[in-house]
Amino acid sequence: MLERHPMHTGTLLAHAVCWSHMVLSTGCVYAGVAANGIPLNGESFPGVSQRAVSTAVRRSHSAAQAVPAPSAEMPVAGSAQQRELADPTLASTAAKREQLRYLVRCALPEQSTVYADYAGERFMFQGSMGLAPRWLDAALTPREERWVSACLLAHVNYFGKHVLVSMRATPPPVPTLEASNDEQQTFSIFEGGFFGNLFLPEPVAYTCRGARTPVQASDPILQDRVCTRETGETTANGTLVTVCHFLFTGRCEDPTSFTVDGAYYSEVIFIYLKPSQ
């Protein structure tokens, strides 16, 4: 899947423990980088949680002539769902709306839209990736937590630049993470992989670096995407830290890079870049 990513690391992401208490709720505690809070888009993410979305999102209508909310794993094919935020203040500022935009984009499929009516305006948040399609009706599973987390982390751009990237997974859990042959040839520079779980009481964010030829390593495009670049700093247990405050696990080609503290992460999103030269 090709996407442009304007998210950058400017301030702090809301402590992800809040995400596991009340769906699309507020009142979260914010964590600094020492607690592995992940800065995205220059602002803090609002708390979003595990409790069934129906507790915070009211069903408004279905564009497919009032198709009932599905109880199956995936939404009804061809149907369009719209849900209203029960708490419209979650979209009360431009920063909050930007945060919700990325969260909904990662979690929900393109048929799903979340909206909020605030101060006389309606704000729409469109799904895209579909990594947690049941989230409108059920709590996230641990696997969905990790996929949505990987998607959010892959969107981070330290400089806030819009960089067109190819997002992939092996194997792809959804069609949006499967690249065509043409896309694979066009986007040939392997930036790295992104994974973790931002929904844990102590959220974790990891990255591995992809192999590159000397020519690829000198390509200017890598100056615009630096979240896999080590800073030389380490955590208390000696883990390397990257520019974006992610924990560096090694080379993506090394299978051991995806096992951290005894936990294996199969939910990894890999980013490939288009050479600028």
C-alpha atoms as a PDB file:
ATOM      1  CA  MET A   1       0.000   0.000   0.000  1.00  0.00           C
ATOM      2  CA  LEU A   2       1.270   3.453  -0.889  1.00  0.00           C
ATOM      3  CA  GLU A   3       0.806   6.245   1.626  1.00  0.00           C
ATOM      4  CA  ARG A   4       2.222   9.632   2.472  1.00  0.00           C
ATOM      5  CA  HIS A   5       3.083  10.095   6.108  1.00  0.00           C
ATOM      6  CA  PRO A   6       3.142  13.570   7.653  1.00  0.00           C
ATOM      7  CA  MET A   7       3.294  12.377  11.247  1.00  0.00           C
ATOM      8  CA  HIS A   8       6.325  13.618  13.122  1.00  0.00           C
ATOM      9  CA  THR A   9       7.918  13.327  16.512  1.00  0.00           C
ATOM     10  CA  GLY A  10       7.408  16.680  18.162  1.00  0.00           C
ATOM     11  CA  THR A  11       5.818  16.150  21.575  1.00  0.00           C
ATOM     12  CA  LEU A  12       4.476  13.157  23.456  1.00  0.00           C
ATOM     13  CA  LEU A  13       1.992  10.417  22.693  1.00  0.00           C
ATOM     14  CA  ALA A  14      -0.614   9.780  25.367  1.00  0.00           C
ATOM     15  CA  HIS A  15       0.340   6.920  27.627  1.00  0.00           C
ATOM     16  CA  ALA A  16      -1.214   3.972  25.812  1.00  0.00           C
ATOM     17  CA  VAL A  17      -2.524   2.445  29.029  1.00  0.00           C
ATOM     18  CA  CYS A  18      -5.437   4.841  28.531  1.00  0.00           C
ATOM     19  CA  TRP A  19      -6.253   3.063  25.296  1.00  0.00           C
ATOM     20  CA  SER A  20      -7.226  -0.057  27.228  1.00  0.00           C
ATOM     21  CA  HIS A  21      -9.760   1.536  29.544  1.00  0.00           C
ATOM     22  CA  MET A  22     -12.369   3.485  27.589  1.00  0.00           C
ATOM     23  CA  VAL A  23     -12.927   3.514  23.858  1.00  0.00           C
ATOM     24  CA  LEU A  24     -12.159   6.913  22.364  1.00  0.00           C
ATOM     25  CA  SER A  25     -12.079   8.397  25.860  1.00  0.00           C
ATOM     26  CA  THR A  26     -10.230  11.280  27.417  1.00  0.00           C
ATOM     27  CA  GLY A  27      -8.563  11.843  30.755  1.00  0.00           C
ATOM     28  CA  CYS A  28      -5.374   9.912  30.071  1.00  0.00           C
ATOM     29  CA  VAL A  29      -2.021  10.231  31.754  1.00  0.00           C
ATOM     30  CA  TYR A  30       0.768  11.285  29.434  1.00  0.00           C
ATOM     31  CA  ALA A  31       4.163   9.630  29.391  1.00  0.00           C
ATOM     32  CA  GLY A  32       7.524  11.018  28.390  1.00  0.00           C
ATOM     33  CA  VAL A  33      10.165   9.215  26.369  1.00  0.00           C
ATOM     34  CA  ALA A  34      11.589   7.649  29.508  1.00  0.00           C
ATOM     35  CA  ALA A  35       8.336   5.688  29.732  1.00  0.00           C
ATOM     36  CA  ASN A  36       8.565   4.931  26.014  1.00  0.00           C
ATOM     37  CA  GLY A  37       5.807   7.361  25.133  1.00  0.00           C
ATOM     38  CA  ILE A  38       5.836   7.690  21.358  1.00  0.00           C
ATOM     39  CA  PRO A  39       5.640  11.184  19.898  1.00  0.00           C
ATOM     40  CA  LEU A  40       3.434  11.302  16.826  1.00  0.00           C
ATOM     41  CA  ASN A  41       2.470  14.266  14.701  1.00  0.00           C
ATOM     42  CA  GLY A  42       3.706  16.790  17.239  1.00  0.00           C
ATOM     43  CA  GLU A  43       0.836  16.130  19.620  1.00  0.00           C
ATOM     44  CA  SER A  44      -0.425  13.574  22.102  1.00  0.00           C
ATOM     45  CA  PHE A  45      -2.882  10.893  21.028  1.00  0.00           C
ATOM     46  CA  PRO A  46      -6.179  10.913  22.904  1.00  0.00           C
ATOM     47  CA  GLY A  47      -6.904   7.853  24.986  1.00  0.00           C
ATOM     48  CA  VAL A  48      -8.505   5.074  23.009  1.00  0.00           C
ATOM     49  CA  SER A  49      -9.393   1.763  24.481  1.00  0.00           C
ATOM     50  CA  GLN A  50     -10.336  -1.819  24.591  1.00  0.00           C
ATOM     51  CA  ARG A  51     -13.850  -1.546  25.911  1.00  0.00           C
ATOM     52  CA  ALA A  52     -16.417  -2.240  23.167  1.00  0.00           C
ATOM     53  CA  VAL A  53     -16.688   0.781  20.922  1.00  0.00           C
ATOM     54  CA  SER A  54     -20.440   0.884  21.367  1.00  0.00           C
ATOM     55  CA  THR A  55     -19.896   2.349  24.829  1.00  0.00           C
ATOM     56  CA  ALA A  56     -18.458   5.503  23.280  1.00  0.00           C
ATOM     57  CA  VAL A  57     -19.608   5.467  19.676  1.00  0.00           C
ATOM     58  CA  ARG A  58     -23.296   5.625  18.782  1.00  0.00           C
ATOM     59  CA  ARG A  59     -24.499   3.952  15.617  1.00  0.00           C
ATOM     60  CA  SER A  60     -25.832   6.655  13.341  1.00  0.00           C
ATOM     61  CA  HIS A  61     -26.764   5.048  10.054  1.00  0.00           C
ATOM     62  CA  SER A  62     -25.539   2.782   7.289  1.00  0.00           C
ATOM     63  CA  ALA A  63     -25.181   4.148   3.792  1.00  0.00           C
ATOM     64  CA  ALA A  64     -26.300   0.769   2.449  1.00  0.00           C
ATOM     65  CA  GLN A  65     -29.960   1.300   3.398  1.00  0.00           C
ATOM     66  CA  ALA A  66     -29.617   0.702   7.119  1.00  0.00           C
ATOM     67  CA  VAL A  67     -27.559  -2.464   6.910  1.00  0.00           C
ATOM     68  CA  PRO A  68     -27.298  -3.745  10.515  1.00  0.00           C
ATOM     69  CA  ALA A  69     -23.952  -3.553  12.257  1.00  0.00           C
ATOM     70  CA  PRO A  70     -22.249  -6.878  11.457  1.00  0.00           C
ATOM     71  CA  SER A  71     -21.321  -9.359  14.145  1.00  0.00           C
ATOM     72  CA  ALA A  72     -18.940 -11.301  11.912  1.00  0.00           C
ATOM     73  CA  GLU A  73     -15.180 -10.843  11.692  1.00  0.00           C
ATOM     74  CA  MET A  74     -15.417  -8.391   8.767  1.00  0.00           C
ATOM     75  CA  PRO A  75     -17.945  -5.730   7.721  1.00  0.00           C
ATOM     76  CA  VAL A  76     -20.569  -6.633   5.154  1.00  0.00           C
ATOM     77  CA  ALA A  77     -19.036  -6.417   1.699  1.00  0.00           C
ATOM     78  CA  GLY A  78     -20.009  -3.228  -0.084  1.00  0.00           C
ATOM     79  CA  SER A  79     -21.667  -1.687   2.951  1.00  0.00           C
ATOM     80  CA  ALA A  80     -20.734   1.659   4.400  1.00  0.00           C
ATOM     81  CA  GLN A  81     -20.940   2.266   8.124  1.00  0.00           C
ATOM     82  CA  GLN A  82     -20.978   5.582   9.921  1.00  0.00           C
ATOM     83  CA  ARG A  83     -20.730   5.935  13.674  1.00  0.00           C
ATOM     84  CA  GLU A  84     -20.936   9.068  15.758  1.00  0.00           C
ATOM     85  CA  LEU A  85     -18.541   9.725  18.604  1.00  0.00           C
ATOM     86  CA  ALA A  86     -20.493   9.742  21.851  1.00  0.00           C
ATOM     87  CA  ASP A  87     -18.031  12.322  23.166  1.00  0.00           C
ATOM     88  CA  PRO A  88     -17.619  14.999  20.467  1.00  0.00           C
ATOM     89  CA  THR A  89     -14.950  16.801  22.505  1.00  0.00           C
ATOM     90  CA  LEU A  90     -12.529  14.147  21.241  1.00  0.00           C
ATOM     91  CA  ALA A  91     -12.617  16.143  18.007  1.00  0.00           C
ATOM     92  CA  SER A  92     -12.670  19.570  19.638  1.00  0.00           C
ATOM     93  CA  THR A  93      -9.231  20.690  18.435  1.00  0.00           C
ATOM     94  CA  ALA A  94      -7.242  20.361  15.245  1.00  0.00           C
ATOM     95  CA  ALA A  95      -4.628  18.301  17.083  1.00  0.00           C
ATOM     96  CA  LYS A  96      -7.186  15.815  18.404  1.00  0.00           C
ATOM     97  CA  ARG A  97      -8.787  15.500  14.984  1.00  0.00           C
ATOM     98  CA  GLU A  98      -5.432  14.771  13.396  1.00  0.00           C
ATOM     99  CA  GLN A  99      -4.748  12.090  15.994  1.00  0.00           C
ATOM    100  CA  LEU A 100      -8.112  10.435  15.451  1.00  0.00           C
ATOM    101  CA  ARG A 101      -7.569  10.502  11.712  1.00  0.00           C
ATOM    102  CA  TYR A 102      -4.518   8.249  11.966  1.00  0.00           C
ATOM    103  CA  LEU A 103      -6.066   5.931  14.503  1.00  0.00           C
ATOM    104  CA  VAL A 104      -9.225   5.389  12.463  1.00  0.00           C
ATOM    105  CA  ARG A 105      -7.180   5.056   9.265  1.00  0.00           C
ATOM    106  CA  CYS A 106      -5.139   2.219  10.729  1.00  0.00           C
ATOM    107  CA  ALA A 107      -7.882   0.365  12.564  1.00  0.00           C
ATOM    108  CA  LEU A 108     -10.982   0.507  10.381  1.00  0.00           C
ATOM    109  CA  PRO A 109     -11.636  -0.506   6.762  1.00  0.00           C
ATOM    110  CA  GLU A 110     -12.485   2.036   4.094  1.00  0.00           C
ATOM    111  CA  GLN A 111     -16.211   1.271   4.381  1.00  0.00           C
ATOM    112  CA  SER A 112     -16.224   2.644   7.934  1.00  0.00           C
ATOM    113  CA  THR A 113     -16.396   6.272   8.953  1.00  0.00           C
ATOM    114  CA  VAL A 114     -16.425   7.805  12.426  1.00  0.00           C
ATOM    115  CA  TYR A 115     -17.751  11.345  12.779  1.00  0.00           C
ATOM    116  CA  ALA A 116     -18.212  13.982  15.439  1.00  0.00           C
ATOM    117  CA  ASP A 117     -20.471  17.010  15.542  1.00  0.00           C
ATOM    118  CA  TYR A 118     -18.747  19.793  17.443  1.00  0.00           C
ATOM    119  CA  ALA A 119     -19.383  23.551  17.571  1.00  0.00           C
ATOM    120  CA  GLY A 120     -21.728  23.389  14.603  1.00  0.00           C
ATOM    121  CA  GLU A 121     -19.318  21.447  12.380  1.00  0.00           C
ATOM    122  CA  ARG A 122     -19.168  17.800  11.407  1.00  0.00           C
ATOM    123  CA  PHE A 123     -15.745  16.160  11.329  1.00  0.00           C
ATOM    124  CA  MET A 124     -15.286  12.874   9.461  1.00  0.00           C
ATOM    125  CA  PHE A 125     -12.612  10.227  10.062  1.00  0.00           C
ATOM    126  CA  GLN A 126     -12.308   7.672   7.287  1.00  0.00           C
ATOM    127  CA  GLY A 127     -11.075   4.114   7.716  1.00  0.00           C
ATOM    128  CA  SER A 128      -8.495   2.713   5.337  1.00  0.00           C
ATOM    129  CA  MET A 129      -6.166  -0.075   6.449  1.00  0.00           C
ATOM    130  CA  GLY A 130      -8.736  -2.262   8.203  1.00  0.00           C
ATOM    131  CA  LEU A 131      -6.343  -3.817  10.721  1.00  0.00           C
ATOM    132  CA  ALA A 132      -9.058  -3.999  13.405  1.00  0.00           C
ATOM    133  CA  PRO A 133     -12.332  -4.059  11.427  1.00  0.00           C
ATOM    134  CA  ARG A 134     -14.451  -5.247  14.373  1.00  0.00           C
ATOM    135  CA  TRP A 135     -13.485  -2.334  16.591  1.00  0.00           C
ATOM    136  CA  LEU A 136     -16.829  -0.616  16.077  1.00  0.00           C
ATOM    137  CA  ASP A 137     -18.527  -3.554  17.775  1.00  0.00           C
ATOM    138  CA  ALA A 138     -15.980  -5.414  19.886  1.00  0.00           C
ATOM    139  CA  ALA A 139     -12.819  -4.954  21.894  1.00  0.00           C
ATOM    140  CA  LEU A 140      -9.489  -5.354  20.155  1.00  0.00           C
ATOM    141  CA  THR A 141      -7.775  -8.698  20.378  1.00  0.00           C
ATOM    142  CA  PRO A 142      -4.084  -8.709  21.411  1.00  0.00           C
ATOM    143  CA  ARG A 143      -3.162  -9.386  17.781  1.00  0.00           C
ATOM    144  CA  GLU A 144      -5.202  -6.401  16.601  1.00  0.00           C
ATOM    145  CA  GLU A 145      -3.539  -4.239  19.249  1.00  0.00           C
ATOM    146  CA  ARG A 146      -0.151  -5.115  17.793  1.00  0.00           C
ATOM    147  CA  TRP A 147      -1.204  -4.545  14.173  1.00  0.00           C
ATOM    148  CA  VAL A 148      -2.730  -1.143  14.901  1.00  0.00           C
ATOM    149  CA  SER A 149       0.351  -0.211  16.932  1.00  0.00           C
ATOM    150  CA  ALA A 150       2.653  -1.232  14.066  1.00  0.00           C
ATOM    151  CA  CYS A 151       0.617   0.916  11.686  1.00  0.00           C
ATOM    152  CA  LEU A 152       0.793   3.987  13.925  1.00  0.00           C
ATOM    153  CA  LEU A 153       4.531   3.580  14.416  1.00  0.00           C
ATOM    154  CA  ALA A 154       5.133   3.126  10.686  1.00  0.00           C
ATOM    155  CA  HIS A 155       3.403   6.471  10.081  1.00  0.00           C
ATOM    156  CA  VAL A 156       5.873   8.422  12.187  1.00  0.00           C
ATOM    157  CA  ASN A 157       8.071  10.944  10.415  1.00  0.00           C
ATOM    158  CA  TYR A 158      10.487  12.822  12.651  1.00  0.00           C
ATOM    159  CA  PHE A 159      10.376  15.928  10.435  1.00  0.00           C
ATOM    160  CA  GLY A 160       6.652  15.874   9.721  1.00  0.00           C
ATOM    161  CA  LYS A 161       7.298  15.516   5.980  1.00  0.00           C
ATOM    162  CA  HIS A 162       4.875  13.940   3.535  1.00  0.00           C
ATOM    163  CA  VAL A 163       6.908  11.039   2.168  1.00  0.00           C
ATOM    164  CA  LEU A 164       5.341   8.516  -0.195  1.00  0.00           C
ATOM    165  CA  VAL A 165       6.122   5.042   1.126  1.00  0.00           C
ATOM    166  CA  SER A 166       5.211   1.436   0.436  1.00  0.00           C
ATOM    167  CA  MET A 167       3.720  -0.366   3.445  1.00  0.00           C
ATOM    168  CA  ARG A 168       4.009  -4.161   3.474  1.00  0.00           C
ATOM    169  CA  ALA A 169       3.697  -7.177   5.738  1.00  0.00           C
ATOM    170  CA  THR A 170       4.722 -10.817   5.403  1.00  0.00           C
ATOM    171  CA  PRO A 171       2.253 -12.389   5.118  1.00  0.00           C
ATOM    172  CA  PRO A 172      -0.148  -9.457   4.670  1.00  0.00           C
ATOM    173  CA  PRO A 173      -3.101  -9.671   7.103  1.00  0.00           C
ATOM    174  CA  VAL A 174      -5.133  -7.373   4.843  1.00  0.00           C
ATOM    175  CA  PRO A 175      -4.909  -6.545   1.104  1.00  0.00           C
ATOM    176  CA  THR A 176      -3.770  -3.006   1.902  1.00  0.00           C
ATOM    177  CA  LEU A 177      -0.414  -4.391   3.080  1.00  0.00           C
ATOM    178  CA  GLU A 178       0.262  -6.368  -0.096  1.00  0.00           C
ATOM    179  CA  ALA A 179       2.426  -4.639  -2.711  1.00  0.00           C
ATOM    180  CA  SER A 180       2.088  -5.240  -6.439  1.00  0.00           C
ATOM    181  CA  ASN A 181       5.110  -6.255  -8.495  1.00  0.00           C
ATOM    182  CA  ASP A 182       5.320  -2.743  -9.913  1.00  0.00           C
ATOM    183  CA  GLU A 183       5.206  -1.219  -6.443  1.00  0.00           C
ATOM    184  CA  GLN A 184       7.938  -3.557  -5.234  1.00  0.00           C
ATOM    185  CA  GLN A 185      10.183  -2.539  -8.115  1.00  0.00           C
ATOM    186  CA  THR A 186       9.477   1.171  -7.769  1.00  0.00           C
ATOM    187  CA  PHE A 187       9.879   1.280  -3.983  1.00  0.00           C
ATOM    188  CA  SER A 188      13.090  -0.679  -3.618  1.00  0.00           C
ATOM    189  CA  ILE A 189      14.857   0.858  -0.615  1.00  0.00           C
ATOM    190  CA  PHE A 190      14.132  -1.138   2.515  1.00  0.00           C
ATOM    191  CA  GLU A 191      13.833   1.373   5.351  1.00  0.00           C
ATOM    192  CA  GLY A 192      12.868  -1.023   8.128  1.00  0.00           C
ATOM    193  CA  GLY A 193      10.155  -2.667  10.173  1.00  0.00           C
ATOM    194  CA  PHE A 194       7.932  -1.248  12.919  1.00  0.00           C
ATOM    195  CA  PHE A 195       6.213  -3.187  15.676  1.00  0.00           C
ATOM    196  CA  GLY A 196       5.219  -3.137  19.333  1.00  0.00           C
ATOM    197  CA  ASN A 197       2.110  -2.629  21.433  1.00  0.00           C
ATOM    198  CA  LEU A 198       0.941   0.833  22.389  1.00  0.00           C
ATOM    199  CA  PHE A 199      -2.047  -0.601  24.262  1.00  0.00           C
ATOM    200  CA  LEU A 200      -0.059  -2.157  27.101  1.00  0.00           C
ATOM    201  CA  PRO A 201       0.157  -0.594  30.580  1.00  0.00           C
ATOM    202  CA  GLU A 202       3.787   0.073  29.647  1.00  0.00           C
ATOM    203  CA  PRO A 203       3.656   0.641  25.870  1.00  0.00           C
ATOM    204  CA  VAL A 204       6.521  -0.608  23.745  1.00  0.00           C
ATOM    205  CA  ALA A 205       7.695   0.541  20.302  1.00  0.00           C
ATOM    206  CA  TYR A 206      10.379  -1.256  18.307  1.00  0.00           C
ATOM    207  CA  THR A 207      12.078  -0.914  14.967  1.00  0.00           C
ATOM    208  CA  CYS A 208      14.527  -2.936  12.904  1.00  0.00           C
ATOM    209  CA  ARG A 209      16.620  -1.630  10.009  1.00  0.00           C
ATOM    210  CA  GLY A 210      16.431  -3.089   6.514  1.00  0.00           C
ATOM    211  CA  ALA A 211      19.444  -4.137   4.452  1.00  0.00           C
ATOM    212  CA  ARG A 212      20.601  -1.633   1.827  1.00  0.00           C
ATOM    213  CA  THR A 213      23.234  -1.502  -0.859  1.00  0.00           C
ATOM    214  CA  PRO A 214      25.873   1.259  -0.560  1.00  0.00           C
ATOM    215  CA  VAL A 215      24.055   3.239  -3.252  1.00  0.00           C
ATOM    216  CA  GLN A 216      20.738   2.889  -1.438  1.00  0.00           C
ATOM    217  CA  ALA A 217      22.305   3.835   1.887  1.00  0.00           C
ATOM    218  CA  SER A 218      23.479   7.144   0.401  1.00  0.00           C
ATOM    219  CA  ASP A 219      20.137   8.020  -1.170  1.00  0.00           C
ATOM    220  CA  PRO A 220      18.792  11.391   0.068  1.00  0.00           C
ATOM    221  CA  ILE A 221      15.362   9.867   0.706  1.00  0.00           C
ATOM    222  CA  LEU A 222      16.763   8.302   3.860  1.00  0.00           C
ATOM    223  CA  GLN A 223      17.353  11.789   5.219  1.00  0.00           C
ATOM    224  CA  ASP A 224      13.584  12.224   5.350  1.00  0.00           C
ATOM    225  CA  ARG A 225      12.869   8.969   7.224  1.00  0.00           C
ATOM    226  CA  VAL A 226      15.115   8.561  10.255  1.00  0.00           C
ATOM    227  CA  CYS A 227      13.172   6.500  12.794  1.00  0.00           C
ATOM    228  CA  THR A 228      15.429   3.466  12.253  1.00  0.00           C
ATOM    229  CA  ARG A 229      18.580   5.552  12.799  1.00  0.00           C
ATOM    230  CA  GLU A 230      20.382   4.906  16.073  1.00  0.00           C
ATOM    231  CA  THR A 231      21.320   7.834  18.275  1.00  0.00           C
ATOM    232  CA  GLY A 232      24.085   6.136  20.256  1.00  0.00           C
ATOM    233  CA  GLU A 233      21.967   6.391  23.394  1.00  0.00           C
ATOM    234  CA  THR A 234      20.786   3.304  25.240  1.00  0.00           C
ATOM    235  CA  THR A 235      18.166   2.414  27.803  1.00  0.00           C
ATOM    236  CA  ALA A 236      19.052   1.244  31.307  1.00  0.00           C
ATOM    237  CA  ASN A 237      19.309  -2.341  30.045  1.00  0.00           C
ATOM    238  CA  GLY A 238      21.524  -1.394  27.132  1.00  0.00           C
ATOM    239  CA  THR A 239      18.954  -1.330  24.304  1.00  0.00           C
ATOM    240  CA  LEU A 240      19.778   1.133  21.554  1.00  0.00           C
ATOM    241  CA  VAL A 241      17.388   4.054  21.031  1.00  0.00           C
ATOM    242  CA  THR A 242      16.592   5.596  17.640  1.00  0.00           C
ATOM    243  CA  VAL A 243      15.987   9.213  16.673  1.00  0.00           C
ATOM    244  CA  CYS A 244      12.228   8.726  17.144  1.00  0.00           C
ATOM    245  CA  HIS A 245      12.737   7.140  20.574  1.00  0.00           C
ATOM    246  CA  PHE A 246      11.913   3.667  19.295  1.00  0.00           C
ATOM    247  CA  LEU A 247      13.931   0.762  20.652  1.00  0.00           C
ATOM    248  CA  PHE A 248      16.274  -0.675  18.025  1.00  0.00           C
ATOM    249  CA  THR A 249      16.255  -4.472  17.795  1.00  0.00           C
ATOM    250  CA  GLY A 250      18.763  -5.066  14.973  1.00  0.00           C
ATOM    251  CA  ARG A 251      18.546  -5.982  11.311  1.00  0.00           C
ATOM    252  CA  CYS A 252      15.166  -6.936   9.873  1.00  0.00           C
ATOM    253  CA  GLU A 253      16.775  -9.879   8.073  1.00  0.00           C
ATOM    254  CA  ASP A 254      17.665 -11.409  11.438  1.00  0.00           C
ATOM    255  CA  PRO A 255      14.684 -13.404  12.793  1.00  0.00           C
ATOM    256  CA  THR A 256      15.801 -12.729  16.351  1.00  0.00           C
ATOM    257  CA  SER A 257      15.079  -9.014  15.846  1.00  0.00           C
ATOM    258  CA  PHE A 258      11.386  -9.713  16.353  1.00  0.00           C
ATOM    259  CA  THR A 259      11.721 -11.366  19.755  1.00  0.00           C
ATOM    260  CA  VAL A 260      11.986  -8.896  22.619  1.00  0.00           C
ATOM    261  CA  ASP A 261      12.034  -9.904  26.289  1.00  0.00           C
ATOM    262  CA  GLY A 262      10.850 -13.354  25.317  1.00  0.00           C
ATOM    263  CA  ALA A 263       7.868 -12.057  23.314  1.00  0.00           C
ATOM    264  CA  TYR A 264       7.763 -12.726  19.565  1.00  0.00           C
ATOM    265  CA  TYR A 265       6.097 -10.132  17.328  1.00  0.00           C
ATOM    266  CA  SER A 266       4.751 -11.400  14.029  1.00  0.00           C
ATOM    267  CA  GLU A 267       2.733  -8.200  13.508  1.00  0.00           C
ATOM    268  CA  VAL A 268       5.353  -6.096  11.732  1.00  0.00           C
ATOM    269  CA  ILE A 269       4.846  -3.434   9.074  1.00  0.00           C
ATOM    270  CA  PHE A 270       7.771  -2.946   6.729  1.00  0.00           C
ATOM    271  CA  ILE A 271       8.404   0.362   4.984  1.00  0.00           C
ATOM    272  CA  TYR A 272      10.020   0.651   1.552  1.00  0.00           C
ATOM    273  CA  LEU A 273      11.028   3.931  -0.073  1.00  0.00           C
ATOM    274  CA  LYS A 274      11.313   5.139  -3.656  1.00  0.00           C
ATOM    275  CA  PRO A 275      14.876   6.101  -4.620  1.00  0.00           C
ATOM    276  CA  SER A 276      15.240   9.819  -5.196  1.00  0.00           C
ATOM    277  CA  GLN A 277      18.268   9.514  -7.447  1.00  0.00           C
END
